[in-house]
Amino acid sequence: MPSKPNKHGGGDAEWTPEHTRIVVAGMIELVKANKRTLYTLPGIVGEVDNHGNNRTGSKVNQILNTLASSYGVSAETVTGGTKRKSGDKSTTSKRARKVKVEEIEEKPVIQ
């Protein structure tokens, strides 16, 4: 029985440290993208989630920095895109809410 071809290409190259760094950088990006899910884990909620999960976020960043440095991934991979420079304006704009205005019919007051 012939083997199934790899739909993404040949993929016959030897695994190198660069491939490991690519995987580690991808793992860091996945954790950053799903960080809110980590805040809801049992054992975190109600135990160490005070101060708006600042402690949890700090610990996650510490773990990611350790992982990055262990595999030679740039620290910017962990910190990139999470902090705004001072003076940057938010790109979100407020939209006016549509409010339904009802006319109130005045009724004569009975005395």
Protein backbone atom coordinates (compact mmCIF):
# COMPACT_ATOMS: atom_id res chain seq x y z
CA MET A 1 0.00 0.00 0.00
CA PRO A 2 1.56 3.33 -1.02
CA SER A 3 2.03 5.95 1.70
CA LYS A 4 -0.16 9.03 1.64
CA PRO A 5 1.61 12.11 0.31
CA ASN A 6 2.15 14.98 2.70
CA LYS A 7 -0.38 17.60 1.65
CA HIS A 8 1.90 20.42 2.83
CA GLY A 9 4.98 19.47 0.83
CA GLY A 10 7.92 17.12 0.99
CA GLY A 11 8.84 17.60 4.63
CA ASP A 12 11.91 15.36 4.42
CA ALA A 13 14.39 17.82 5.92
CA GLU A 14 16.22 17.01 9.14
CA TRP A 15 14.82 18.65 12.28
CA THR A 16 17.03 21.57 13.29
CA PRO A 17 17.15 23.93 16.26
CA GLU A 18 15.51 26.55 14.03
CA HIS A 19 12.47 24.30 13.66
CA THR A 20 12.32 24.00 17.46
CA ARG A 21 12.46 27.79 17.81
CA ILE A 22 9.60 28.12 15.30
CA VAL A 23 7.47 25.67 17.30
CA VAL A 24 8.28 27.39 20.61
CA ALA A 25 7.44 30.82 19.16
CA GLY A 26 4.15 29.38 17.88
CA MET A 27 3.38 27.94 21.32
CA ILE A 28 4.03 31.33 22.91
CA GLU A 29 1.71 33.03 20.43
CA LEU A 30 -1.01 30.45 21.14
CA VAL A 31 -0.75 30.96 24.89
CA LYS A 32 -0.85 34.75 24.47
CA ALA A 33 -3.90 34.52 22.21
CA ASN A 34 -5.73 32.32 24.72
CA LYS A 35 -4.54 33.90 27.96
CA ARG A 36 -8.09 34.65 29.12
CA THR A 37 -8.84 30.93 29.13
CA LEU A 38 -6.00 30.40 31.59
CA TYR A 39 -7.64 32.80 34.02
CA THR A 40 -10.68 30.50 34.26
CA LEU A 41 -8.80 27.33 35.18
CA PRO A 42 -9.88 25.54 38.39
CA GLY A 43 -7.44 26.46 41.13
CA ILE A 44 -6.92 29.94 39.69
CA VAL A 45 -10.48 31.26 39.92
CA GLY A 46 -11.26 32.25 43.48
CA GLU A 47 -7.76 31.52 44.76
CA VAL A 48 -5.19 33.75 43.04
CA ASP A 49 -7.31 35.87 40.72
CA ASN A 50 -7.41 39.06 42.78
CA HIS A 51 -6.16 42.35 41.35
CA GLY A 52 -7.74 41.64 37.98
CA ASN A 53 -5.64 38.49 37.43
CA ASN A 54 -2.47 40.57 37.48
CA ARG A 55 -0.65 37.83 39.41
CA THR A 56 -1.77 35.16 36.96
CA GLY A 57 -0.77 37.26 33.96
CA SER A 58 2.63 37.99 35.50
CA LYS A 59 3.23 34.30 36.19
CA VAL A 60 2.21 33.32 32.65
CA ASN A 61 4.62 35.94 31.23
CA GLN A 62 7.38 34.66 33.53
CA ILE A 63 6.84 31.08 32.31
CA LEU A 64 6.76 32.20 28.66
CA ASN A 65 9.96 34.23 29.11
CA THR A 66 11.67 31.19 30.65
CA LEU A 67 10.49 28.99 27.79
CA ALA A 68 11.65 31.54 25.20
CA SER A 69 15.10 31.97 26.73
CA SER A 70 15.54 28.20 27.13
CA TYR A 71 15.09 27.68 23.40
CA GLY A 72 16.75 30.84 22.08
CA VAL A 73 13.53 32.63 21.10
CA SER A 74 13.55 36.41 21.27
CA ALA A 75 11.98 37.94 24.39
CA GLU A 76 10.08 40.27 22.06
CA THR A 77 7.98 37.25 21.08
CA VAL A 78 6.59 37.23 24.62
CA THR A 79 6.28 40.97 25.17
CA GLY A 80 5.53 42.08 21.61
CA GLY A 81 2.11 43.57 21.00
CA THR A 82 1.01 43.59 24.62
CA LYS A 83 2.06 47.07 25.70
CA ARG A 84 1.20 50.38 24.10
CA LYS A 85 3.73 53.13 23.81
CA SER A 86 2.89 56.27 25.71
CA GLY A 87 1.06 58.74 23.54
CA ASP A 88 -0.56 56.08 21.36
CA LYS A 89 -4.23 56.69 20.86
CA SER A 90 -6.77 53.95 20.98
CA THR A 91 -8.06 53.03 17.55
CA THR A 92 -11.48 52.09 18.82
CA SER A 93 -14.22 54.62 18.40
CA LYS A 94 -17.39 55.02 20.34
CA ARG A 95 -20.62 54.63 18.45
CA ALA A 96 -23.76 56.45 19.41
CA ARG A 97 -26.37 54.09 20.75
CA LYS A 98 -29.74 54.24 19.12
CA VAL A 99 -32.32 54.96 21.75
CA LYS A 100 -35.96 54.42 21.07
CA VAL A 101 -37.86 57.50 22.07
CA GLU A 102 -41.42 56.93 23.10
CA GLU A 103 -43.94 59.69 23.24
CA ILE A 104 -45.78 59.82 26.52
CA GLU A 105 -49.37 60.76 26.24
CA GLU A 106 -50.37 63.19 28.93
CA LYS A 107 -53.52 62.22 30.76
CA PRO A 108 -55.56 64.70 32.69
CA VAL A 109 -55.08 64.52 36.40
CA ILE A 110 -58.25 63.59 38.29
CA GLN A 111 -58.61 65.38 41.58
